[in-house]
Protein backbone atom coordinates (compact mmCIF):
# COMPACT_ATOMS: atom_id res chain seq x y z
CA MET A 1 -32.60 -0.96 -26.19
CA ALA A 2 -29.14 -2.44 -25.82
CA SER A 3 -28.40 -5.64 -27.61
CA GLU A 4 -28.06 -8.93 -25.75
CA LYS A 5 -24.33 -9.04 -26.55
CA ILE A 6 -23.71 -5.63 -24.95
CA LEU A 7 -25.76 -6.53 -21.87
CA ASP A 8 -23.82 -9.78 -21.46
CA SER A 9 -20.49 -7.96 -21.67
CA LYS A 10 -21.63 -5.44 -19.07
CA LYS A 11 -22.82 -8.25 -16.77
CA ALA A 12 -19.43 -9.92 -17.17
CA ILE A 13 -17.64 -6.69 -16.21
CA VAL A 14 -19.87 -6.23 -13.14
CA SER A 15 -19.21 -9.84 -12.17
CA GLU A 16 -15.44 -9.26 -12.59
CA ILE A 17 -15.58 -6.19 -10.34
CA VAL A 18 -17.56 -8.07 -7.68
CA ASP A 19 -15.01 -10.92 -7.72
CA LYS A 20 -12.11 -8.48 -7.43
CA ILE A 21 -13.75 -6.67 -4.50
CA LYS A 22 -14.51 -9.93 -2.69
CA ASN A 23 -10.95 -11.24 -3.22
CA SER A 24 -9.24 -8.01 -2.11
CA GLU A 25 -8.27 -6.98 1.40
CA SER A 26 -7.96 -3.35 0.34
CA VAL A 27 -9.94 -1.54 -2.34
CA ILE A 28 -9.26 2.15 -2.90
CA ILE A 29 -11.25 4.45 -5.19
CA PHE A 30 -9.31 7.47 -6.37
CA GLN A 31 -9.50 10.21 -8.96
CA TYR A 32 -6.67 10.26 -11.44
CA GLN A 33 -7.66 13.25 -13.57
CA GLY A 34 -4.55 15.19 -14.57
CA LEU A 35 -2.14 12.27 -14.24
CA THR A 36 -0.20 11.47 -17.37
CA VAL A 37 -0.15 7.98 -18.84
CA SER A 38 3.44 7.55 -17.68
CA GLU A 39 2.53 8.59 -14.10
CA LEU A 40 -0.32 6.08 -14.05
CA SER A 41 2.03 3.42 -15.45
CA ASP A 42 4.54 4.32 -12.73
CA LEU A 43 1.84 3.77 -10.08
CA ARG A 44 0.95 0.40 -11.60
CA ASN A 45 4.62 -0.62 -11.61
CA LYS A 46 5.01 0.38 -7.95
CA LEU A 47 1.94 -1.68 -7.06
CA LYS A 48 3.06 -4.87 -8.86
CA PRO A 49 5.31 -6.12 -6.02
CA THR A 50 2.41 -5.69 -3.57
CA ASP A 51 0.13 -7.97 -5.62
CA ALA A 52 -2.25 -5.10 -6.40
CA GLU A 53 -3.69 -3.67 -9.58
CA VAL A 54 -5.35 -0.50 -10.79
CA LYS A 55 -8.35 -0.66 -13.08
CA VAL A 56 -10.63 1.95 -14.63
CA TYR A 57 -14.31 1.09 -15.00
CA LYS A 58 -17.38 3.09 -15.89
CA ASN A 59 -18.96 4.49 -12.74
CA THR A 60 -22.33 2.93 -13.58
CA LEU A 61 -20.80 -0.55 -13.74
CA LEU A 62 -18.82 0.07 -10.55
CA LYS A 63 -22.01 1.22 -8.80
CA ARG A 64 -23.82 -1.98 -9.80
CA ALA A 65 -20.94 -4.08 -8.47
CA LEU A 66 -20.87 -2.14 -5.21
CA ASP A 67 -24.63 -2.61 -4.87
CA GLU A 68 -24.11 -6.38 -5.21
CA VAL A 69 -21.55 -6.40 -2.37
CA LYS A 70 -23.83 -4.08 -0.38
CA VAL A 71 -21.42 -1.14 -0.04
CA ASN A 72 -22.79 2.33 -0.72
CA LEU A 73 -20.21 4.67 -2.24
CA ASP A 74 -22.57 6.56 -4.58
CA GLU A 75 -21.36 10.03 -3.55
CA PHE A 76 -17.84 9.15 -4.73
CA LEU A 77 -18.82 7.79 -8.13
CA GLU A 78 -18.64 11.01 -10.11
CA GLY A 79 -15.93 12.00 -12.53
CA PRO A 80 -13.02 9.88 -13.70
CA ASN A 81 -12.32 7.29 -11.02
CA ALA A 82 -9.86 4.44 -10.89
CA ILE A 83 -9.99 1.59 -8.46
CA LEU A 84 -7.12 -0.19 -6.75
CA PHE A 85 -7.57 -3.84 -5.80
CA GLY A 86 -5.01 -5.11 -3.29
CA LYS A 87 -4.77 -8.70 -2.12
CA ASN A 88 -2.70 -7.50 0.85
CA LEU A 89 -4.04 -5.06 3.39
CA LEU A 90 -1.30 -2.55 4.12
CA GLU A 91 1.25 -2.53 1.31
CA PRO A 92 -1.02 -1.27 -1.51
CA ILE A 93 -2.45 1.43 0.78
CA LYS A 94 1.06 2.60 1.65
CA VAL A 95 2.12 2.68 -2.02
CA ILE A 96 -0.88 4.69 -3.20
CA ALA A 97 -0.69 7.07 -0.20
CA ASP A 98 3.01 7.73 -0.92
CA PHE A 99 2.23 8.19 -4.61
CA ALA A 100 -0.55 10.66 -3.73
CA LYS A 101 1.95 12.69 -1.67
CA GLU A 102 4.27 12.90 -4.68
CA ASN A 103 1.47 13.61 -7.19
CA GLU A 104 -1.11 16.13 -6.05
CA LYS A 105 -3.35 15.24 -8.99
CA LEU A 106 -4.11 11.81 -7.51
CA ASP A 107 -6.97 12.18 -5.05
CA ILE A 108 -7.78 9.23 -2.79
CA ARG A 109 -11.52 9.35 -2.16
CA VAL A 110 -12.74 6.30 -0.25
CA GLY A 111 -11.96 2.62 0.23
CA ILE A 112 -13.14 -0.77 1.30
CA ILE A 113 -10.82 -2.39 3.83
CA SER A 114 -11.51 -6.00 4.78
CA GLY A 115 -15.05 -5.67 3.43
CA ASP A 116 -15.96 -2.48 5.32
CA ARG A 117 -16.20 1.07 4.01
CA ALA A 118 -13.15 3.15 4.94
CA GLU A 119 -13.11 6.93 4.85
CA LEU A 120 -10.02 8.94 3.91
CA ASP A 121 -8.94 9.36 7.56
CA THR A 122 -8.99 5.59 8.07
CA ILE A 123 -6.98 5.04 4.90
CA LYS A 124 -4.39 7.57 6.09
CA GLU A 125 -4.15 5.75 9.45
CA TYR A 126 -3.49 2.47 7.67
CA ALA A 127 -0.89 4.17 5.49
CA SER A 128 0.96 5.40 8.59
CA ILE A 129 1.35 1.91 10.08
CA PRO A 130 4.94 0.69 9.69
CA SER A 131 5.55 -2.16 7.26
CA ARG A 132 5.87 -5.74 8.47
CA ASP A 133 9.66 -5.51 8.32
CA GLY A 134 9.55 -2.23 10.23
CA LEU A 135 7.37 -3.77 12.95
CA LEU A 136 9.67 -6.80 13.22
CA THR A 137 12.67 -4.48 13.55
CA MET A 138 10.89 -2.56 16.32
CA ILE A 139 10.13 -5.80 18.17
CA ALA A 140 13.71 -7.02 17.79
CA ALA A 141 15.09 -3.69 19.03
CA GLY A 142 12.79 -3.87 22.05
CA MET A 143 13.91 -7.42 22.83
CA MET A 144 17.58 -6.52 22.40
CA LYS A 145 17.29 -4.03 25.27
CA TYR A 146 16.37 -6.82 27.68
CA ALA A 147 19.04 -9.14 26.34
CA ARG A 148 21.65 -6.37 26.76
CA ASP A 149 20.47 -5.62 30.31
CA LEU A 150 20.61 -9.32 31.16
CA ALA A 151 24.14 -9.61 29.75
CA ILE A 152 25.28 -6.59 31.81
CA ALA A 153 23.71 -8.04 34.95
CA ILE A 154 25.36 -11.44 34.41
CA ASN A 155 28.71 -9.76 33.75
CA MET A 156 28.41 -7.69 36.95
CA TYR A 157 27.48 -10.81 38.92
CA ALA A 158 30.50 -12.67 37.48
CA GLU A 159 32.82 -9.76 38.38
CA GLU A 160 31.41 -9.65 41.91
CA LYS A 161 31.98 -13.42 42.29
CA GLU A 162 35.60 -13.01 41.11
CA LYS A 163 36.25 -10.29 43.72
CA ASN A 164 34.87 -12.47 46.50
CA ASN A 165 37.01 -15.51 45.53
């Protein structure tokens, strides 16, 4: 039987995982087997600006935490898994999806987005959404078309008025 000290440390880890899941907009479980330490460090460095972190926990502890938040991901909790906790919704997903494209050894398995289970297809859809800056640029470009058309119309009206005077 495990000692009280070991049980308390495991309970603390489960509690930590539960808190991280509850405080994250995006949680991604991925396999990292085959990645070097420097590649994993590179991923962590790319995630820092997005206010996200990568942690590795024992699958049994992760399963207990997921049971507490009532999300069933048991079929994905085999082998060496890492978990990404992102406070933002899109940016961490984009970073890990881009990293997975560059590194075939990283295998995104499943996620929790805004508290709901997200399959790989859903994660890929989120990864394809343009960034906030990209969306703002698209909106501005769309608005510029109308401003340009209005300016042309006003200019044509002014030229027509000049001809008539």
